[in-house]
Amino acid sequence: MLKAKISGFVQGVSYRAFVKKFADQKGIKGYVKNLSDGSVEVVADGIRDDLLELVDHLKKGPIFAKVSRVDYSFFGKNGNFMSFKIVRDSSYLIDQIKAYRIFLKNIFIKRKKDG
């Protein structure tokens, strides 16, 4: 089992959907969720080679993401997951508002640093 924390510009850019699509293609089970600090957490269960490919995939991210760091570790096989899910914070709308708030905050911080 893999547990990863992805930092950078990873919320509000379809990062979770990007991870889910790859996991579904590989038959990986688990979940992906946004964390309140602006990072994304992935917990995944599957064949080790597929999980290593997933780590490489996490480092790339979707087109508008900017991954600055992927911290990960492997644990024994869990086997409790039936599918790969996007974990949302309460309702879909609230989840999206929180993700876009962090997205806009990241843009503002970048502009402030650049300008």
N, C-alpha and C. Protein backbone atom coordinates (compact mmCIF):
# COMPACT_ATOMS: atom_id res chain seq x y z
N MET A 1 0.84 -1.17 0.00
CA MET A 1 0.00 0.00 0.00
C MET A 1 0.89 1.24 0.00
N LEU A 2 0.45 2.25 -0.73
CA LEU A 2 1.17 3.50 -0.88
C LEU A 2 0.41 4.62 -0.17
N LYS A 3 1.14 5.46 0.53
CA LYS A 3 0.56 6.70 1.07
C LYS A 3 1.45 7.84 0.60
N ALA A 4 0.82 8.84 -0.03
CA ALA A 4 1.59 9.95 -0.59
C ALA A 4 0.93 11.28 -0.25
N LYS A 5 1.77 12.29 -0.08
CA LYS A 5 1.31 13.67 0.11
C LYS A 5 1.97 14.50 -0.98
N ILE A 6 1.12 15.16 -1.78
CA ILE A 6 1.60 15.92 -2.92
C ILE A 6 1.42 17.40 -2.60
N SER A 7 2.51 18.15 -2.70
CA SER A 7 2.50 19.58 -2.41
C SER A 7 2.75 20.37 -3.68
N GLY A 8 2.32 21.62 -3.65
CA GLY A 8 2.50 22.51 -4.78
C GLY A 8 1.17 23.11 -5.19
N PHE A 9 1.04 23.40 -6.46
CA PHE A 9 -0.16 23.98 -7.03
C PHE A 9 -1.03 22.82 -7.52
N VAL A 10 -1.73 22.15 -6.58
CA VAL A 10 -2.39 20.89 -6.89
C VAL A 10 -3.89 20.85 -6.56
N GLN A 11 -4.45 21.95 -6.10
CA GLN A 11 -5.89 22.00 -5.86
C GLN A 11 -6.53 23.00 -6.82
N GLY A 12 -7.71 22.64 -7.32
CA GLY A 12 -8.40 23.50 -8.28
C GLY A 12 -7.90 23.32 -9.70
N VAL A 13 -7.11 22.27 -9.95
CA VAL A 13 -6.54 22.03 -11.27
C VAL A 13 -6.85 20.61 -11.77
N SER A 14 -7.89 19.98 -11.22
CA SER A 14 -8.32 18.62 -11.59
C SER A 14 -7.29 17.55 -11.25
N TYR A 15 -6.51 17.81 -10.22
CA TYR A 15 -5.48 16.84 -9.82
C TYR A 15 -6.10 15.53 -9.36
N ARG A 16 -7.16 15.59 -8.55
CA ARG A 16 -7.78 14.37 -8.05
C ARG A 16 -8.35 13.52 -9.18
N ALA A 17 -8.99 14.16 -10.15
CA ALA A 17 -9.54 13.43 -11.30
C ALA A 17 -8.41 12.79 -12.12
N PHE A 18 -7.29 13.49 -12.23
CA PHE A 18 -6.11 13.00 -12.93
C PHE A 18 -5.59 11.72 -12.26
N VAL A 19 -5.54 11.73 -10.93
CA VAL A 19 -5.06 10.56 -10.18
C VAL A 19 -6.06 9.41 -10.31
N LYS A 20 -7.34 9.71 -10.16
CA LYS A 20 -8.37 8.66 -10.24
C LYS A 20 -8.36 7.97 -11.59
N LYS A 21 -8.23 8.73 -12.66
CA LYS A 21 -8.22 8.14 -14.00
C LYS A 21 -7.08 7.13 -14.15
N PHE A 22 -5.90 7.51 -13.68
CA PHE A 22 -4.75 6.61 -13.76
C PHE A 22 -4.98 5.37 -12.89
N ALA A 23 -5.46 5.58 -11.66
CA ALA A 23 -5.70 4.46 -10.74
C ALA A 23 -6.72 3.49 -11.32
N ASP A 24 -7.78 4.01 -11.89
CA ASP A 24 -8.81 3.14 -12.49
C ASP A 24 -8.24 2.34 -13.65
N GLN A 25 -7.39 2.96 -14.46
CA GLN A 25 -6.77 2.25 -15.60
C GLN A 25 -5.88 1.11 -15.14
N LYS A 26 -5.23 1.28 -13.99
CA LYS A 26 -4.30 0.27 -13.47
C LYS A 26 -4.96 -0.71 -12.50
N GLY A 27 -6.21 -0.48 -12.15
CA GLY A 27 -6.88 -1.35 -11.18
C GLY A 27 -6.43 -1.10 -9.75
N ILE A 28 -5.92 0.08 -9.50
CA ILE A 28 -5.47 0.47 -8.16
C ILE A 28 -6.70 0.89 -7.35
N LYS A 29 -6.72 0.49 -6.09
CA LYS A 29 -7.83 0.83 -5.19
C LYS A 29 -7.33 1.83 -4.15
N GLY A 30 -8.26 2.62 -3.58
CA GLY A 30 -7.88 3.57 -2.54
C GLY A 30 -8.63 4.87 -2.68
N TYR A 31 -7.94 5.98 -2.40
CA TYR A 31 -8.60 7.28 -2.50
C TYR A 31 -7.59 8.40 -2.70
N VAL A 32 -8.13 9.55 -3.13
CA VAL A 32 -7.37 10.79 -3.25
C VAL A 32 -8.24 11.87 -2.63
N LYS A 33 -7.62 12.77 -1.87
CA LYS A 33 -8.40 13.85 -1.26
C LYS A 33 -7.54 15.09 -1.07
N ASN A 34 -8.20 16.24 -1.10
CA ASN A 34 -7.56 17.51 -0.80
C ASN A 34 -7.38 17.64 0.70
N LEU A 35 -6.27 18.22 1.11
CA LEU A 35 -6.03 18.50 2.52
C LEU A 35 -6.14 20.00 2.75
N SER A 36 -6.42 20.37 3.98
CA SER A 36 -6.67 21.78 4.29
C SER A 36 -5.45 22.67 4.11
N ASP A 37 -4.25 22.09 4.07
CA ASP A 37 -3.04 22.89 3.89
C ASP A 37 -2.71 23.16 2.42
N GLY A 38 -3.61 22.73 1.51
CA GLY A 38 -3.39 22.95 0.08
C GLY A 38 -2.75 21.79 -0.64
N SER A 39 -2.38 20.76 0.09
CA SER A 39 -1.78 19.58 -0.53
C SER A 39 -2.86 18.55 -0.84
N VAL A 40 -2.45 17.45 -1.44
CA VAL A 40 -3.35 16.35 -1.79
C VAL A 40 -2.78 15.07 -1.19
N GLU A 41 -3.66 14.23 -0.66
CA GLU A 41 -3.26 12.94 -0.09
C GLU A 41 -3.76 11.82 -0.99
N VAL A 42 -2.91 10.83 -1.20
CA VAL A 42 -3.28 9.63 -1.94
C VAL A 42 -2.96 8.42 -1.09
N VAL A 43 -3.92 7.54 -0.94
CA VAL A 43 -3.70 6.24 -0.31
C VAL A 43 -4.12 5.22 -1.36
N ALA A 44 -3.21 4.33 -1.73
CA ALA A 44 -3.47 3.43 -2.85
C ALA A 44 -2.98 2.01 -2.54
N ASP A 45 -3.75 1.06 -3.01
CA ASP A 45 -3.45 -0.36 -2.81
C ASP A 45 -3.45 -1.04 -4.17
N GLY A 46 -2.41 -1.79 -4.44
CA GLY A 46 -2.32 -2.47 -5.73
C GLY A 46 -0.98 -3.16 -5.89
N ILE A 47 -0.69 -3.55 -7.11
CA ILE A 47 0.59 -4.19 -7.44
C ILE A 47 1.69 -3.15 -7.31
N ARG A 48 2.80 -3.55 -6.68
CA ARG A 48 3.87 -2.59 -6.37
C ARG A 48 4.38 -1.85 -7.61
N ASP A 49 4.55 -2.53 -8.72
CA ASP A 49 5.02 -1.86 -9.94
C ASP A 49 4.02 -0.79 -10.40
N ASP A 50 2.73 -1.08 -10.27
CA ASP A 50 1.71 -0.10 -10.63
C ASP A 50 1.75 1.09 -9.67
N LEU A 51 2.01 0.81 -8.40
CA LEU A 51 2.10 1.89 -7.42
C LEU A 51 3.31 2.77 -7.68
N LEU A 52 4.42 2.17 -8.11
CA LEU A 52 5.61 2.95 -8.47
C LEU A 52 5.32 3.83 -9.69
N GLU A 53 4.56 3.30 -10.65
CA GLU A 53 4.13 4.11 -11.80
C GLU A 53 3.24 5.25 -11.34
N LEU A 54 2.37 4.96 -10.36
CA LEU A 54 1.50 5.99 -9.82
C LEU A 54 2.32 7.13 -9.20
N VAL A 55 3.38 6.79 -8.48
CA VAL A 55 4.24 7.83 -7.89
C VAL A 55 4.80 8.73 -8.98
N ASP A 56 5.28 8.15 -10.07
CA ASP A 56 5.78 8.96 -11.20
C ASP A 56 4.67 9.84 -11.76
N HIS A 57 3.47 9.29 -11.85
CA HIS A 57 2.30 10.02 -12.34
C HIS A 57 1.97 11.18 -11.41
N LEU A 58 2.05 10.95 -10.11
CA LEU A 58 1.78 11.99 -9.13
C LEU A 58 2.75 13.16 -9.28
N LYS A 59 3.99 12.85 -9.60
CA LYS A 59 5.02 13.89 -9.76
C LYS A 59 4.75 14.77 -10.97
N LYS A 60 4.12 14.22 -12.00
CA LYS A 60 3.83 14.99 -13.22
C LYS A 60 2.62 15.88 -13.02
N GLY A 61 1.52 15.30 -12.58
CA GLY A 61 0.28 16.06 -12.40
C GLY A 61 -0.35 16.44 -13.72
N PRO A 62 -1.59 16.95 -13.68
CA PRO A 62 -2.25 17.40 -14.90
C PRO A 62 -1.62 18.70 -15.42
N ILE A 63 -2.04 19.12 -16.57
CA ILE A 63 -1.40 20.23 -17.29
C ILE A 63 -1.27 21.52 -16.48
N PHE A 64 -2.26 21.89 -15.68
CA PHE A 64 -2.21 23.16 -14.96
C PHE A 64 -1.63 23.04 -13.56
N ALA A 65 -1.29 21.84 -13.15
CA ALA A 65 -0.70 21.64 -11.82
C ALA A 65 0.79 21.96 -11.86
N LYS A 66 1.30 22.30 -10.70
CA LYS A 66 2.74 22.47 -10.54
C LYS A 66 3.12 21.75 -9.25
N VAL A 67 3.57 20.52 -9.40
CA VAL A 67 3.93 19.69 -8.26
C VAL A 67 5.32 20.09 -7.79
N SER A 68 5.41 20.47 -6.53
CA SER A 68 6.72 20.86 -5.99
C SER A 68 7.35 19.71 -5.18
N ARG A 69 6.50 18.81 -4.67
CA ARG A 69 7.05 17.75 -3.82
C ARG A 69 6.05 16.60 -3.71
N VAL A 70 6.58 15.37 -3.73
CA VAL A 70 5.78 14.18 -3.46
C VAL A 70 6.50 13.38 -2.39
N ASP A 71 5.92 13.35 -1.20
CA ASP A 71 6.44 12.52 -0.11
C ASP A 71 5.60 11.25 -0.08
N TYR A 72 6.26 10.11 -0.05
CA TYR A 72 5.49 8.86 -0.07
C TYR A 72 6.22 7.76 0.70
N SER A 73 5.43 6.77 1.09
CA SER A 73 5.97 5.59 1.75
C SER A 73 5.07 4.40 1.43
N PHE A 74 5.64 3.23 1.57
CA PHE A 74 4.91 1.99 1.32
C PHE A 74 4.67 1.26 2.63
N PHE A 75 3.50 0.63 2.71
CA PHE A 75 3.11 -0.17 3.86
C PHE A 75 2.63 -1.52 3.35
N GLY A 76 2.36 -2.44 4.26
CA GLY A 76 1.81 -3.73 3.88
C GLY A 76 0.48 -3.57 3.16
N LYS A 77 0.10 -4.60 2.42
CA LYS A 77 -1.14 -4.56 1.66
C LYS A 77 -2.34 -4.46 2.59
N ASN A 78 -3.24 -3.55 2.29
CA ASN A 78 -4.42 -3.30 3.12
C ASN A 78 -5.58 -4.19 2.70
N GLY A 79 -5.98 -4.09 1.44
CA GLY A 79 -7.05 -4.93 0.91
C GLY A 79 -8.45 -4.51 1.29
N ASN A 80 -8.63 -3.41 1.98
CA ASN A 80 -9.96 -2.98 2.42
C ASN A 80 -10.68 -2.10 1.41
N PHE A 81 -10.03 -1.69 0.35
CA PHE A 81 -10.65 -0.79 -0.63
C PHE A 81 -11.33 -1.60 -1.74
N MET A 82 -12.51 -1.14 -2.13
CA MET A 82 -13.26 -1.82 -3.19
C MET A 82 -13.07 -1.12 -4.55
N SER A 83 -12.67 0.14 -4.52
CA SER A 83 -12.50 0.92 -5.73
C SER A 83 -11.55 2.08 -5.41
N PHE A 84 -11.34 2.96 -6.38
CA PHE A 84 -10.56 4.17 -6.14
C PHE A 84 -11.52 5.34 -6.17
N LYS A 85 -11.51 6.13 -5.09
CA LYS A 85 -12.49 7.20 -4.96
C LYS A 85 -11.83 8.56 -4.75
N ILE A 86 -12.55 9.57 -5.19
CA ILE A 86 -12.21 10.94 -4.84
C ILE A 86 -12.99 11.24 -3.57
N VAL A 87 -12.28 11.55 -2.50
CA VAL A 87 -12.93 11.89 -1.24
C VAL A 87 -13.18 13.39 -1.25
N ARG A 88 -14.43 13.75 -1.06
CA ARG A 88 -14.81 15.16 -1.07
C ARG A 88 -15.12 15.62 0.35
N ASP A 89 -14.92 16.88 0.56
CA ASP A 89 -15.18 17.50 1.85
C ASP A 89 -16.65 17.89 1.92
N SER A 90 -17.45 17.18 2.66
CA SER A 90 -18.90 17.35 2.79
C SER A 90 -19.58 17.29 1.42
N SER A 91 -20.15 18.38 0.92
CA SER A 91 -20.84 18.35 -0.36
C SER A 91 -19.87 18.69 -1.50
N TYR A 92 -20.30 18.35 -2.71
CA TYR A 92 -19.49 18.66 -3.90
C TYR A 92 -19.21 20.16 -4.00
N LEU A 93 -20.23 20.97 -3.78
CA LEU A 93 -20.09 22.41 -3.91
C LEU A 93 -19.10 22.98 -2.89
N ILE A 94 -19.23 22.58 -1.64
CA ILE A 94 -18.31 23.06 -0.61
C ILE A 94 -16.89 22.60 -0.91
N ASP A 95 -16.76 21.36 -1.36
CA ASP A 95 -15.45 20.82 -1.72
C ASP A 95 -14.81 21.66 -2.83
N GLN A 96 -15.58 21.99 -3.85
CA GLN A 96 -15.04 22.78 -4.96
C GLN A 96 -14.70 24.20 -4.54
N ILE A 97 -15.53 24.80 -3.71
CA ILE A 97 -15.25 26.15 -3.22
C ILE A 97 -13.94 26.17 -2.45
N LYS A 98 -13.71 25.18 -1.60
CA LYS A 98 -12.47 25.11 -0.83
C LYS A 98 -11.27 24.94 -1.76
N ALA A 99 -11.40 24.08 -2.75
CA ALA A 99 -10.30 23.84 -3.69
C ALA A 99 -9.97 25.11 -4.48
N TYR A 100 -10.99 25.81 -4.95
CA TYR A 100 -10.76 27.03 -5.73
C TYR A 100 -10.24 28.17 -4.85
N ARG A 101 -10.61 28.18 -3.60
CA ARG A 101 -10.09 29.19 -2.67
C ARG A 101 -8.57 29.00 -2.54
N ILE A 102 -8.14 27.77 -2.40
CA ILE A 102 -6.70 27.49 -2.31
C ILE A 102 -6.03 27.78 -3.66
N PHE A 103 -6.70 27.46 -4.76
CA PHE A 103 -6.19 27.76 -6.09
C PHE A 103 -5.92 29.25 -6.23
N LEU A 104 -6.90 30.08 -5.87
CA LEU A 104 -6.74 31.53 -5.97
C LEU A 104 -5.68 32.06 -5.02
N LYS A 105 -5.61 31.48 -3.84
CA LYS A 105 -4.58 31.87 -2.87
C LYS A 105 -3.19 31.59 -3.45
N ASN A 106 -3.02 30.44 -4.11
CA ASN A 106 -1.74 30.11 -4.72
C ASN A 106 -1.38 31.09 -5.84
N ILE A 107 -2.36 31.48 -6.62
CA ILE A 107 -2.11 32.46 -7.69
C ILE A 107 -1.69 33.80 -7.09
N PHE A 108 -2.41 34.24 -6.06
CA PHE A 108 -2.10 35.51 -5.41
C PHE A 108 -0.69 35.48 -4.81
N ILE A 109 -0.32 34.40 -4.15
CA ILE A 109 1.01 34.28 -3.55
C ILE A 109 2.08 34.33 -4.64
N LYS A 110 1.85 33.62 -5.77
CA LYS A 110 2.82 33.61 -6.85
C LYS A 110 2.99 35.01 -7.44
N ARG A 111 1.89 35.71 -7.66
CA ARG A 111 1.97 37.07 -8.21
C ARG A 111 2.70 38.01 -7.26
N LYS A 112 2.43 37.84 -5.99
CA LYS A 112 3.07 38.68 -4.98
C LYS A 112 4.59 38.46 -4.99
N LYS A 113 5.02 37.18 -5.12
CA LYS A 113 6.44 36.86 -5.18
C LYS A 113 7.09 37.38 -6.45
N ASP A 114 6.36 37.29 -7.58
CA ASP A 114 6.90 37.70 -8.88
C ASP A 114 6.89 39.22 -9.05
N GLY A 115 5.97 39.89 -8.38
CA GLY A 115 5.78 41.29 -8.66
C GLY A 115 6.33 42.17 -7.62
